[in-house]
mmCIF file of all heavy atoms, coordinates in Angstrom:
data_MODEL
# 
_entry.id   MODEL 
# 
loop_
_atom_site.group_PDB 
_atom_site.id 
_atom_site.type_symbol 
_atom_site.label_atom_id 
_atom_site.label_alt_id 
_atom_site.label_comp_id 
_atom_site.label_asym_id 
_atom_site.label_entity_id 
_atom_site.label_seq_id 
_atom_site.pdbx_PDB_ins_code 
_atom_site.Cartn_x 
_atom_site.Cartn_y 
_atom_site.Cartn_z 
_atom_site.occupancy 
_atom_site.B_iso_or_equiv 
_atom_site.pdbx_formal_charge 
_atom_site.auth_seq_id 
_atom_site.auth_comp_id 
_atom_site.auth_asym_id 
_atom_site.auth_atom_id 
_atom_site.pdbx_PDB_model_num 
ATOM 1   N N   . VAL A 1 1  ? -63.101 41.292 27.832 1.00 0.00 ? 1  VAL A N   1 
ATOM 2   C CA  . VAL A 1 1  ? -62.720 40.045 27.173 1.00 0.00 ? 1  VAL A CA  1 
ATOM 3   C C   . VAL A 1 1  ? -62.155 39.096 28.218 1.00 0.00 ? 1  VAL A C   1 
ATOM 4   O O   . VAL A 1 1  ? -61.559 39.540 29.212 1.00 0.00 ? 1  VAL A O   1 
ATOM 5   C CB  . VAL A 1 1  ? -61.705 40.313 26.040 1.00 0.00 ? 1  VAL A CB  1 
ATOM 6   C CG1 . VAL A 1 1  ? -60.426 40.910 26.584 1.00 0.00 ? 1  VAL A CG1 1 
ATOM 7   C CG2 . VAL A 1 1  ? -61.452 39.079 25.214 1.00 0.00 ? 1  VAL A CG2 1 
ATOM 8   N N   . GLN A 1 2  ? -62.336 37.804 27.995 1.00 0.00 ? 2  GLN A N   1 
ATOM 9   C CA  . GLN A 1 2  ? -61.801 36.816 28.907 1.00 0.00 ? 2  GLN A CA  1 
ATOM 10  C C   . GLN A 1 2  ? -60.300 36.626 28.679 1.00 0.00 ? 2  GLN A C   1 
ATOM 11  O O   . GLN A 1 2  ? -59.797 36.882 27.572 1.00 0.00 ? 2  GLN A O   1 
ATOM 12  C CB  . GLN A 1 2  ? -62.518 35.482 28.717 1.00 0.00 ? 2  GLN A CB  1 
ATOM 13  C CG  . GLN A 1 2  ? -63.966 35.497 29.153 1.00 0.00 ? 2  GLN A CG  1 
ATOM 14  C CD  . GLN A 1 2  ? -64.600 34.115 29.090 1.00 0.00 ? 2  GLN A CD  1 
ATOM 15  O OE1 . GLN A 1 2  ? -64.109 33.208 28.425 1.00 0.00 ? 2  GLN A OE1 1 
ATOM 16  N NE2 . GLN A 1 2  ? -65.714 33.957 29.799 1.00 0.00 ? 2  GLN A NE2 1 
ATOM 17  N N   . PRO A 1 3  ? -59.587 36.191 29.703 1.00 0.00 ? 3  PRO A N   1 
ATOM 18  C CA  . PRO A 1 3  ? -58.161 35.882 29.509 1.00 0.00 ? 3  PRO A CA  1 
ATOM 19  C C   . PRO A 1 3  ? -57.966 34.913 28.344 1.00 0.00 ? 3  PRO A C   1 
ATOM 20  O O   . PRO A 1 3  ? -58.723 33.943 28.201 1.00 0.00 ? 3  PRO A O   1 
ATOM 21  C CB  . PRO A 1 3  ? -57.763 35.250 30.843 1.00 0.00 ? 3  PRO A CB  1 
ATOM 22  C CG  . PRO A 1 3  ? -58.705 35.860 31.836 1.00 0.00 ? 3  PRO A CG  1 
ATOM 23  C CD  . PRO A 1 3  ? -60.011 36.000 31.107 1.00 0.00 ? 3  PRO A CD  1 
ATOM 24  N N   . GLY A 1 4  ? -56.958 35.206 27.545 1.00 0.00 ? 4  GLY A N   1 
ATOM 25  C CA  . GLY A 1 4  ? -56.701 34.411 26.352 1.00 0.00 ? 4  GLY A CA  1 
ATOM 26  C C   . GLY A 1 4  ? -57.405 34.914 25.115 1.00 0.00 ? 4  GLY A C   1 
ATOM 27  O O   . GLY A 1 4  ? -57.123 34.448 23.998 1.00 0.00 ? 4  GLY A O   1 
ATOM 28  N N   . GLY A 1 5  ? -58.303 35.865 25.285 1.00 0.00 ? 5  GLY A N   1 
ATOM 29  C CA  . GLY A 1 5  ? -59.054 36.405 24.163 1.00 0.00 ? 5  GLY A CA  1 
ATOM 30  C C   . GLY A 1 5  ? -58.292 37.460 23.387 1.00 0.00 ? 5  GLY A C   1 
ATOM 31  O O   . GLY A 1 5  ? -57.123 37.752 23.677 1.00 0.00 ? 5  GLY A O   1 
ATOM 32  N N   . SER A 1 6  ? -58.989 38.037 22.401 1.00 0.00 ? 6  SER A N   1 
ATOM 33  C CA  . SER A 1 6  ? -58.385 39.026 21.508 1.00 0.00 ? 6  SER A CA  1 
ATOM 34  C C   . SER A 1 6  ? -59.274 40.248 21.367 1.00 0.00 ? 6  SER A C   1 
ATOM 35  O O   . SER A 1 6  ? -60.495 40.160 21.498 1.00 0.00 ? 6  SER A O   1 
ATOM 36  C CB  . SER A 1 6  ? -58.162 38.419 20.114 1.00 0.00 ? 6  SER A CB  1 
ATOM 37  O OG  . SER A 1 6  ? -57.283 37.320 20.152 1.00 0.00 ? 6  SER A OG  1 
ATOM 38  N N   . LEU A 1 7  ? -58.638 41.366 21.099 1.00 0.00 ? 7  LEU A N   1 
ATOM 39  C CA  . LEU A 1 7  ? -59.313 42.611 20.750 1.00 0.00 ? 7  LEU A CA  1 
ATOM 40  C C   . LEU A 1 7  ? -58.462 43.341 19.732 1.00 0.00 ? 7  LEU A C   1 
ATOM 41  O O   . LEU A 1 7  ? -57.234 43.202 19.741 1.00 0.00 ? 7  LEU A O   1 
ATOM 42  C CB  . LEU A 1 7  ? -59.509 43.511 21.971 1.00 0.00 ? 7  LEU A CB  1 
ATOM 43  C CG  . LEU A 1 7  ? -60.630 43.209 22.949 1.00 0.00 ? 7  LEU A CG  1 
ATOM 44  C CD1 . LEU A 1 7  ? -60.532 44.155 24.148 1.00 0.00 ? 7  LEU A CD1 1 
ATOM 45  C CD2 . LEU A 1 7  ? -61.989 43.332 22.286 1.00 0.00 ? 7  LEU A CD2 1 
ATOM 46  N N   . LYS A 1 8  ? -59.127 44.145 18.904 1.00 0.00 ? 8  LYS A N   1 
ATOM 47  C CA  . LYS A 1 8  ? -58.395 45.016 17.986 1.00 0.00 ? 8  LYS A CA  1 
ATOM 48  C C   . LYS A 1 8  ? -58.827 46.444 18.239 1.00 0.00 ? 8  LYS A C   1 
ATOM 49  O O   . LYS A 1 8  ? -60.001 46.793 18.083 1.00 0.00 ? 8  LYS A O   1 
ATOM 50  C CB  . LYS A 1 8  ? -58.649 44.641 16.533 1.00 0.00 ? 8  LYS A CB  1 
ATOM 51  C CG  . LYS A 1 8  ? -57.798 45.442 15.559 1.00 0.00 ? 8  LYS A CG  1 
ATOM 52  C CD  . LYS A 1 8  ? -57.956 44.965 14.134 1.00 0.00 ? 8  LYS A CD  1 
ATOM 53  C CE  . LYS A 1 8  ? -57.035 45.694 13.173 1.00 0.00 ? 8  LYS A CE  1 
ATOM 54  N NZ  . LYS A 1 8  ? -57.144 45.205 11.778 1.00 0.00 ? 8  LYS A NZ  1 
ATOM 55  N N   . LEU A 1 9  ? -57.866 47.273 18.633 1.00 0.00 ? 9  LEU A N   1 
ATOM 56  C CA  . LEU A 1 9  ? -58.119 48.679 18.863 1.00 0.00 ? 9  LEU A CA  1 
ATOM 57  C C   . LEU A 1 9  ? -57.844 49.473 17.594 1.00 0.00 ? 9  LEU A C   1 
ATOM 58  O O   . LEU A 1 9  ? -56.964 49.121 16.808 1.00 0.00 ? 9  LEU A O   1 
ATOM 59  C CB  . LEU A 1 9  ? -57.234 49.204 19.987 1.00 0.00 ? 9  LEU A CB  1 
ATOM 60  C CG  . LEU A 1 9  ? -57.285 48.441 21.315 1.00 0.00 ? 9  LEU A CG  1 
ATOM 61  C CD1 . LEU A 1 9  ? -56.413 49.153 22.348 1.00 0.00 ? 9  LEU A CD1 1 
ATOM 62  C CD2 . LEU A 1 9  ? -58.696 48.281 21.797 1.00 0.00 ? 9  LEU A CD2 1 
ATOM 63  N N   . SER A 1 10 ? -58.604 50.554 17.427 1.00 0.00 ? 10 SER A N   1 
ATOM 64  C CA  . SER A 1 10 ? -58.423 51.442 16.285 1.00 0.00 ? 10 SER A CA  1 
ATOM 65  C C   . SER A 1 10 ? -58.240 52.862 16.769 1.00 0.00 ? 10 SER A C   1 
ATOM 66  O O   . SER A 1 10 ? -58.781 53.250 17.809 1.00 0.00 ? 10 SER A O   1 
ATOM 67  C CB  . SER A 1 10 ? -59.641 51.379 15.361 1.00 0.00 ? 10 SER A CB  1 
ATOM 68  O OG  . SER A 1 10 ? -59.853 50.083 14.860 1.00 0.00 ? 10 SER A OG  1 
ATOM 69  N N   . CYS A 1 11 ? -57.514 53.636 15.995 1.00 0.00 ? 11 CYS A N   1 
ATOM 70  C CA  . CYS A 1 11 ? -57.295 55.042 16.316 1.00 0.00 ? 11 CYS A CA  1 
ATOM 71  C C   . CYS A 1 11 ? -57.395 55.837 15.023 1.00 0.00 ? 11 CYS A C   1 
ATOM 72  O O   . CYS A 1 11 ? -56.629 55.591 14.075 1.00 0.00 ? 11 CYS A O   1 
ATOM 73  C CB  . CYS A 1 11 ? -55.933 55.239 16.958 1.00 0.00 ? 11 CYS A CB  1 
ATOM 74  S SG  . CYS A 1 11 ? -55.456 56.962 17.182 1.00 0.00 ? 11 CYS A SG  1 
ATOM 75  N N   . ALA A 1 12 ? -58.333 56.769 14.989 1.00 0.00 ? 12 ALA A N   1 
ATOM 76  C CA  . ALA A 1 12 ? -58.493 57.663 13.853 1.00 0.00 ? 12 ALA A CA  1 
ATOM 77  C C   . ALA A 1 12 ? -57.818 58.984 14.175 1.00 0.00 ? 12 ALA A C   1 
ATOM 78  O O   . ALA A 1 12 ? -58.071 59.572 15.239 1.00 0.00 ? 12 ALA A O   1 
ATOM 79  C CB  . ALA A 1 12 ? -59.974 57.887 13.564 1.00 0.00 ? 12 ALA A CB  1 
ATOM 80  N N   . ALA A 1 13 ? -56.954 59.434 13.281 1.00 0.00 ? 13 ALA A N   1 
ATOM 81  C CA  . ALA A 1 13 ? -56.169 60.641 13.542 1.00 0.00 ? 13 ALA A CA  1 
ATOM 82  C C   . ALA A 1 13 ? -56.421 61.692 12.480 1.00 0.00 ? 13 ALA A C   1 
ATOM 83  O O   . ALA A 1 13 ? -56.594 61.373 11.302 1.00 0.00 ? 13 ALA A O   1 
ATOM 84  C CB  . ALA A 1 13 ? -54.685 60.293 13.582 1.00 0.00 ? 13 ALA A CB  1 
ATOM 85  N N   . SER A 1 14 ? -56.396 62.937 12.876 1.00 0.00 ? 14 SER A N   1 
ATOM 86  C CA  . SER A 1 14 ? -56.501 64.020 11.905 1.00 0.00 ? 14 SER A CA  1 
ATOM 87  C C   . SER A 1 14 ? -55.192 64.139 11.135 1.00 0.00 ? 14 SER A C   1 
ATOM 88  O O   . SER A 1 14 ? -54.150 63.635 11.568 1.00 0.00 ? 14 SER A O   1 
ATOM 89  C CB  . SER A 1 14 ? -56.841 65.334 12.605 1.00 0.00 ? 14 SER A CB  1 
ATOM 90  O OG  . SER A 1 14 ? -55.866 65.628 13.585 1.00 0.00 ? 14 SER A OG  1 
ATOM 91  N N   . ARG A 1 15 ? -55.262 64.837 10.015 1.00 0.00 ? 15 ARG A N   1 
ATOM 92  C CA  . ARG A 1 15 ? -54.111 64.895 9.119  1.00 0.00 ? 15 ARG A CA  1 
ATOM 93  C C   . ARG A 1 15 ? -52.876 65.479 9.794  1.00 0.00 ? 15 ARG A C   1 
ATOM 94  O O   . ARG A 1 15 ? -51.778 64.958 9.663  1.00 0.00 ? 15 ARG A O   1 
ATOM 95  C CB  . ARG A 1 15 ? -54.457 65.724 7.883  1.00 0.00 ? 15 ARG A CB  1 
ATOM 96  C CG  . ARG A 1 15 ? -53.362 65.736 6.814  1.00 0.00 ? 15 ARG A CG  1 
ATOM 97  C CD  . ARG A 1 15 ? -53.771 66.634 5.657  1.00 0.00 ? 15 ARG A CD  1 
ATOM 98  N NE  . ARG A 1 15 ? -55.040 66.215 5.074  1.00 0.00 ? 15 ARG A NE  1 
ATOM 99  C CZ  . ARG A 1 15 ? -55.151 65.272 4.148  1.00 0.00 ? 15 ARG A CZ  1 
ATOM 100 N NH1 . ARG A 1 15 ? -54.073 64.644 3.700  1.00 0.00 ? 15 ARG A NH1 1 
ATOM 101 N NH2 . ARG A 1 15 ? -56.328 64.951 3.663  1.00 0.00 ? 15 ARG A NH2 1 
ATOM 102 N N   . ILE A 1 16 ? -53.065 66.543 10.545 1.00 0.00 ? 16 ILE A N   1 
ATOM 103 C CA  . ILE A 1 16 ? -51.912 67.201 11.165 1.00 0.00 ? 16 ILE A CA  1 
ATOM 104 C C   . ILE A 1 16 ? -51.269 66.307 12.205 1.00 0.00 ? 16 ILE A C   1 
ATOM 105 O O   . ILE A 1 16 ? -50.069 66.356 12.454 1.00 0.00 ? 16 ILE A O   1 
ATOM 106 C CB  . ILE A 1 16 ? -52.334 68.565 11.769 1.00 0.00 ? 16 ILE A CB  1 
ATOM 107 C CG1 . ILE A 1 16 ? -51.108 69.400 12.120 1.00 0.00 ? 16 ILE A CG1 1 
ATOM 108 C CG2 . ILE A 1 16 ? -53.230 68.369 12.991 1.00 0.00 ? 16 ILE A CG2 1 
ATOM 109 C CD1 . ILE A 1 16 ? -51.429 70.835 12.513 1.00 0.00 ? 16 ILE A CD1 1 
ATOM 110 N N   . ILE A 1 17 ? -52.079 65.469 12.844 1.00 0.00 ? 17 ILE A N   1 
ATOM 111 C CA  . ILE A 1 17 ? -51.566 64.527 13.847 1.00 0.00 ? 17 ILE A CA  1 
ATOM 112 C C   . ILE A 1 17 ? -50.775 63.411 13.183 1.00 0.00 ? 17 ILE A C   1 
ATOM 113 O O   . ILE A 1 17 ? -49.735 62.977 13.669 1.00 0.00 ? 17 ILE A O   1 
ATOM 114 C CB  . ILE A 1 17 ? -52.726 63.922 14.643 1.00 0.00 ? 17 ILE A CB  1 
ATOM 115 C CG1 . ILE A 1 17 ? -53.253 64.919 15.681 1.00 0.00 ? 17 ILE A CG1 1 
ATOM 116 C CG2 . ILE A 1 17 ? -52.322 62.620 15.300 1.00 0.00 ? 17 ILE A CG2 1 
ATOM 117 C CD1 . ILE A 1 17 ? -52.583 64.864 17.018 1.00 0.00 ? 17 ILE A CD1 1 
ATOM 118 N N   . PHE A 1 18 ? -51.288 62.915 12.054 1.00 0.00 ? 18 PHE A N   1 
ATOM 119 C CA  . PHE A 1 18 ? -50.818 61.655 11.489 1.00 0.00 ? 18 PHE A CA  1 
ATOM 120 C C   . PHE A 1 18 ? -49.678 61.816 10.491 1.00 0.00 ? 18 PHE A C   1 
ATOM 121 O O   . PHE A 1 18 ? -48.787 60.960 10.426 1.00 0.00 ? 18 PHE A O   1 
ATOM 122 C CB  . PHE A 1 18 ? -52.003 60.960 10.806 1.00 0.00 ? 18 PHE A CB  1 
ATOM 123 C CG  . PHE A 1 18 ? -51.734 59.535 10.410 1.00 0.00 ? 18 PHE A CG  1 
ATOM 124 C CD1 . PHE A 1 18 ? -51.949 58.506 11.300 1.00 0.00 ? 18 PHE A CD1 1 
ATOM 125 C CD2 . PHE A 1 18 ? -51.279 59.228 9.131  1.00 0.00 ? 18 PHE A CD2 1 
ATOM 126 C CE1 . PHE A 1 18 ? -51.716 57.184 10.934 1.00 0.00 ? 18 PHE A CE1 1 
ATOM 127 C CE2 . PHE A 1 18 ? -51.044 57.918 8.760  1.00 0.00 ? 18 PHE A CE2 1 
ATOM 128 C CZ  . PHE A 1 18 ? -51.264 56.888 9.665  1.00 0.00 ? 18 PHE A CZ  1 
ATOM 129 N N   . SER A 1 19 ? -49.674 62.904 9.750  1.00 0.00 ? 19 SER A N   1 
ATOM 130 C CA  . SER A 1 19 ? -48.729 63.032 8.640  1.00 0.00 ? 19 SER A CA  1 
ATOM 131 C C   . SER A 1 19 ? -47.281 62.976 9.097  1.00 0.00 ? 19 SER A C   1 
ATOM 132 O O   . SER A 1 19 ? -46.881 63.716 9.988  1.00 0.00 ? 19 SER A O   1 
ATOM 133 C CB  . SER A 1 19 ? -48.960 64.357 7.902  1.00 0.00 ? 19 SER A CB  1 
ATOM 134 O OG  . SER A 1 19 ? -50.176 64.352 7.247  1.00 0.00 ? 19 SER A OG  1 
ATOM 135 N N   . ALA A 1 20 ? -46.541 62.087 8.475  1.00 0.00 ? 20 ALA A N   1 
ATOM 136 C CA  . ALA A 1 20 ? -45.098 61.964 8.705  1.00 0.00 ? 20 ALA A CA  1 
ATOM 137 C C   . ALA A 1 20 ? -44.762 61.798 10.178 1.00 0.00 ? 20 ALA A C   1 
ATOM 138 O O   . ALA A 1 20 ? -43.738 62.300 10.652 1.00 0.00 ? 20 ALA A O   1 
ATOM 139 C CB  . ALA A 1 20 ? -44.360 63.160 8.129  1.00 0.00 ? 20 ALA A CB  1 
ATOM 140 N N   . ALA A 1 21 ? -45.627 61.120 10.912 1.00 0.00 ? 21 ALA A N   1 
ATOM 141 C CA  . ALA A 1 21 ? -45.407 60.967 12.357 1.00 0.00 ? 21 ALA A CA  1 
ATOM 142 C C   . ALA A 1 21 ? -45.295 59.510 12.753 1.00 0.00 ? 21 ALA A C   1 
ATOM 143 O O   . ALA A 1 21 ? -46.075 58.670 12.278 1.00 0.00 ? 21 ALA A O   1 
ATOM 144 C CB  . ALA A 1 21 ? -46.552 61.597 13.131 1.00 0.00 ? 21 ALA A CB  1 
ATOM 145 N N   . ASP A 1 22 ? -44.329 59.236 13.619 1.00 0.00 ? 22 ASP A N   1 
ATOM 146 C CA  . ASP A 1 22 ? -44.360 57.959 14.308 1.00 0.00 ? 22 ASP A CA  1 
ATOM 147 C C   . ASP A 1 22 ? -45.590 57.950 15.216 1.00 0.00 ? 22 ASP A C   1 
ATOM 148 O O   . ASP A 1 22 ? -45.900 58.957 15.858 1.00 0.00 ? 22 ASP A O   1 
ATOM 149 C CB  . ASP A 1 22 ? -43.112 57.760 15.152 1.00 0.00 ? 22 ASP A CB  1 
ATOM 150 C CG  . ASP A 1 22 ? -41.842 57.665 14.321 1.00 0.00 ? 22 ASP A CG  1 
ATOM 151 O OD1 . ASP A 1 22 ? -41.952 57.565 13.077 1.00 0.00 ? 22 ASP A OD1 1 
ATOM 152 O OD2 . ASP A 1 22 ? -40.746 57.697 14.909 1.00 0.00 ? 22 ASP A OD2 1 
ATOM 153 N N   . MET A 1 23 ? -46.269 56.813 15.262 1.00 0.00 ? 23 MET A N   1 
ATOM 154 C CA  . MET A 1 23 ? -47.475 56.705 16.087 1.00 0.00 ? 23 MET A CA  1 
ATOM 155 C C   . MET A 1 23 ? -47.258 55.657 17.175 1.00 0.00 ? 23 MET A C   1 
ATOM 156 O O   . MET A 1 23 ? -46.515 54.683 16.975 1.00 0.00 ? 23 MET A O   1 
ATOM 157 C CB  . MET A 1 23 ? -48.681 56.327 15.219 1.00 0.00 ? 23 MET A CB  1 
ATOM 158 C CG  . MET A 1 23 ? -49.049 57.372 14.179 1.00 0.00 ? 23 MET A CG  1 
ATOM 159 S SD  . MET A 1 23 ? -49.583 58.955 14.870 1.00 0.00 ? 23 MET A SD  1 
ATOM 160 C CE  . MET A 1 23 ? -51.113 58.478 15.679 1.00 0.00 ? 23 MET A CE  1 
ATOM 161 N N   . ARG A 1 24 ? -47.917 55.878 18.296 1.00 0.00 ? 24 ARG A N   1 
ATOM 162 C CA  . ARG A 1 24 ? -47.692 55.012 19.454 1.00 0.00 ? 24 ARG A CA  1 
ATOM 163 C C   . ARG A 1 24 ? -49.014 54.624 20.094 1.00 0.00 ? 24 ARG A C   1 
ATOM 164 O O   . ARG A 1 24 ? -49.991 55.375 20.009 1.00 0.00 ? 24 ARG A O   1 
ATOM 165 C CB  . ARG A 1 24 ? -46.846 55.744 20.500 1.00 0.00 ? 24 ARG A CB  1 
ATOM 166 C CG  . ARG A 1 24 ? -45.591 56.373 19.933 1.00 0.00 ? 24 ARG A CG  1 
ATOM 167 C CD  . ARG A 1 24 ? -45.274 57.646 20.677 1.00 0.00 ? 24 ARG A CD  1 
ATOM 168 N NE  . ARG A 1 24 ? -43.992 58.207 20.295 1.00 0.00 ? 24 ARG A NE  1 
ATOM 169 C CZ  . ARG A 1 24 ? -43.561 59.395 20.701 1.00 0.00 ? 24 ARG A CZ  1 
ATOM 170 N NH1 . ARG A 1 24 ? -44.299 60.128 21.494 1.00 0.00 ? 24 ARG A NH1 1 
ATOM 171 N NH2 . ARG A 1 24 ? -42.398 59.838 20.306 1.00 0.00 ? 24 ARG A NH2 1 
ATOM 172 N N   . TRP A 1 25 ? -49.009 53.495 20.773 1.00 0.00 ? 25 TRP A N   1 
ATOM 173 C CA  . TRP A 1 25 ? -50.078 53.130 21.695 1.00 0.00 ? 25 TRP A CA  1 
ATOM 174 C C   . TRP A 1 25 ? -49.496 53.121 23.110 1.00 0.00 ? 25 TRP A C   1 
ATOM 175 O O   . TRP A 1 25 ? -48.420 52.548 23.338 1.00 0.00 ? 25 TRP A O   1 
ATOM 176 C CB  . TRP A 1 25 ? -50.645 51.749 21.371 1.00 0.00 ? 25 TRP A CB  1 
ATOM 177 C CG  . TRP A 1 25 ? -51.604 51.732 20.234 1.00 0.00 ? 25 TRP A CG  1 
ATOM 178 C CD1 . TRP A 1 25 ? -51.340 51.376 18.935 1.00 0.00 ? 25 TRP A CD1 1 
ATOM 179 C CD2 . TRP A 1 25 ? -52.988 52.077 20.273 1.00 0.00 ? 25 TRP A CD2 1 
ATOM 180 N NE1 . TRP A 1 25 ? -52.472 51.477 18.169 1.00 0.00 ? 25 TRP A NE1 1 
ATOM 181 C CE2 . TRP A 1 25 ? -53.502 51.904 18.968 1.00 0.00 ? 25 TRP A CE2 1 
ATOM 182 C CE3 . TRP A 1 25 ? -53.864 52.498 21.272 1.00 0.00 ? 25 TRP A CE3 1 
ATOM 183 C CZ2 . TRP A 1 25 ? -54.837 52.158 18.645 1.00 0.00 ? 25 TRP A CZ2 1 
ATOM 184 C CZ3 . TRP A 1 25 ? -55.190 52.748 20.952 1.00 0.00 ? 25 TRP A CZ3 1 
ATOM 185 C CH2 . TRP A 1 25 ? -55.657 52.573 19.654 1.00 0.00 ? 25 TRP A CH2 1 
ATOM 186 N N   . TYR A 1 26 ? -50.214 53.764 24.006 1.00 0.00 ? 26 TYR A N   1 
ATOM 187 C CA  . TYR A 1 26 ? -49.901 53.759 25.423 1.00 0.00 ? 26 TYR A CA  1 
ATOM 188 C C   . TYR A 1 26 ? -51.059 53.106 26.173 1.00 0.00 ? 26 TYR A C   1 
ATOM 189 O O   . TYR A 1 26 ? -52.165 52.978 25.649 1.00 0.00 ? 26 TYR A O   1 
ATOM 190 C CB  . TYR A 1 26 ? -49.754 55.186 25.956 1.00 0.00 ? 26 TYR A CB  1 
ATOM 191 C CG  . TYR A 1 26 ? -48.483 55.894 25.610 1.00 0.00 ? 26 TYR A CG  1 
ATOM 192 C CD1 . TYR A 1 26 ? -48.303 56.476 24.357 1.00 0.00 ? 26 TYR A CD1 1 
ATOM 193 C CD2 . TYR A 1 26 ? -47.463 56.032 26.542 1.00 0.00 ? 26 TYR A CD2 1 
ATOM 194 C CE1 . TYR A 1 26 ? -47.133 57.155 24.042 1.00 0.00 ? 26 TYR A CE1 1 
ATOM 195 C CE2 . TYR A 1 26 ? -46.290 56.719 26.236 1.00 0.00 ? 26 TYR A CE2 1 
ATOM 196 C CZ  . TYR A 1 26 ? -46.137 57.278 24.993 1.00 0.00 ? 26 TYR A CZ  1 
ATOM 197 O OH  . TYR A 1 26 ? -44.983 57.947 24.687 1.00 0.00 ? 26 TYR A OH  1 
ATOM 198 N N   . ARG A 1 27 ? -50.819 52.763 27.412 1.00 0.00 ? 27 ARG A N   1 
ATOM 199 C CA  . ARG A 1 27 ? -51.896 52.308 28.292 1.00 0.00 ? 27 ARG A CA  1 
ATOM 200 C C   . ARG A 1 27 ? -51.641 52.799 29.713 1.00 0.00 ? 27 ARG A C   1 
ATOM 201 O O   . ARG A 1 27 ? -50.505 53.043 30.109 1.00 0.00 ? 27 ARG A O   1 
ATOM 202 C CB  . ARG A 1 27 ? -52.041 50.790 28.273 1.00 0.00 ? 27 ARG A CB  1 
ATOM 203 C CG  . ARG A 1 27 ? -50.863 50.025 28.869 1.00 0.00 ? 27 ARG A CG  1 
ATOM 204 C CD  . ARG A 1 27 ? -51.054 48.520 28.662 1.00 0.00 ? 27 ARG A CD  1 
ATOM 205 N NE  . ARG A 1 27 ? -49.942 47.750 29.194 1.00 0.00 ? 27 ARG A NE  1 
ATOM 206 C CZ  . ARG A 1 27 ? -49.806 46.441 29.024 1.00 0.00 ? 27 ARG A CZ  1 
ATOM 207 N NH1 . ARG A 1 27 ? -50.718 45.749 28.330 1.00 0.00 ? 27 ARG A NH1 1 
ATOM 208 N NH2 . ARG A 1 27 ? -48.764 45.809 29.538 1.00 0.00 ? 27 ARG A NH2 1 
ATOM 209 N N   . GLN A 1 28 ? -52.748 52.943 30.436 1.00 0.00 ? 28 GLN A N   1 
ATOM 210 C CA  . GLN A 1 28 ? -52.657 53.356 31.828 1.00 0.00 ? 28 GLN A CA  1 
ATOM 211 C C   . GLN A 1 28 ? -53.626 52.525 32.659 1.00 0.00 ? 28 GLN A C   1 
ATOM 212 O O   . GLN A 1 28 ? -54.844 52.602 32.468 1.00 0.00 ? 28 GLN A O   1 
ATOM 213 C CB  . GLN A 1 28 ? -52.963 54.845 31.991 1.00 0.00 ? 28 GLN A CB  1 
ATOM 214 C CG  . GLN A 1 28 ? -52.717 55.362 33.392 1.00 0.00 ? 28 GLN A CG  1 
ATOM 215 C CD  . GLN A 1 28 ? -52.696 56.871 33.463 1.00 0.00 ? 28 GLN A CD  1 
ATOM 216 O OE1 . GLN A 1 28 ? -53.229 57.562 32.600 1.00 0.00 ? 28 GLN A OE1 1 
ATOM 217 N NE2 . GLN A 1 28 ? -52.049 57.396 34.496 1.00 0.00 ? 28 GLN A NE2 1 
ATOM 218 N N   . ALA A 1 29 ? -53.057 51.738 33.561 1.00 0.00 ? 29 ALA A N   1 
ATOM 219 C CA  . ALA A 1 29 ? -53.849 50.928 34.471 1.00 0.00 ? 29 ALA A CA  1 
ATOM 220 C C   . ALA A 1 29 ? -54.156 51.752 35.718 1.00 0.00 ? 29 ALA A C   1 
ATOM 221 O O   . ALA A 1 29 ? -53.430 52.697 36.045 1.00 0.00 ? 29 ALA A O   1 
ATOM 222 C CB  . ALA A 1 29 ? -53.088 49.662 34.836 1.00 0.00 ? 29 ALA A CB  1 
ATOM 223 N N   . PRO A 1 30 ? -55.214 51.392 36.441 1.00 0.00 ? 30 PRO A N   1 
ATOM 224 C CA  . PRO A 1 30 ? -55.570 52.146 37.651 1.00 0.00 ? 30 PRO A CA  1 
ATOM 225 C C   . PRO A 1 30 ? -54.403 52.218 38.634 1.00 0.00 ? 30 PRO A C   1 
ATOM 226 O O   . PRO A 1 30 ? -53.776 51.200 38.946 1.00 0.00 ? 30 PRO A O   1 
ATOM 227 C CB  . PRO A 1 30 ? -56.730 51.343 38.237 1.00 0.00 ? 30 PRO A CB  1 
ATOM 228 C CG  . PRO A 1 30 ? -57.319 50.636 37.078 1.00 0.00 ? 30 PRO A CG  1 
ATOM 229 C CD  . PRO A 1 30 ? -56.180 50.318 36.160 1.00 0.00 ? 30 PRO A CD  1 
# 
């Protein structure tokens, strides 16, 4: 995407991962 643009990320989780859990997004640059 160009600077100033937008993206929407999605994450599908299994039940054991998702239930009653705080969820986070992380990132790792080179």
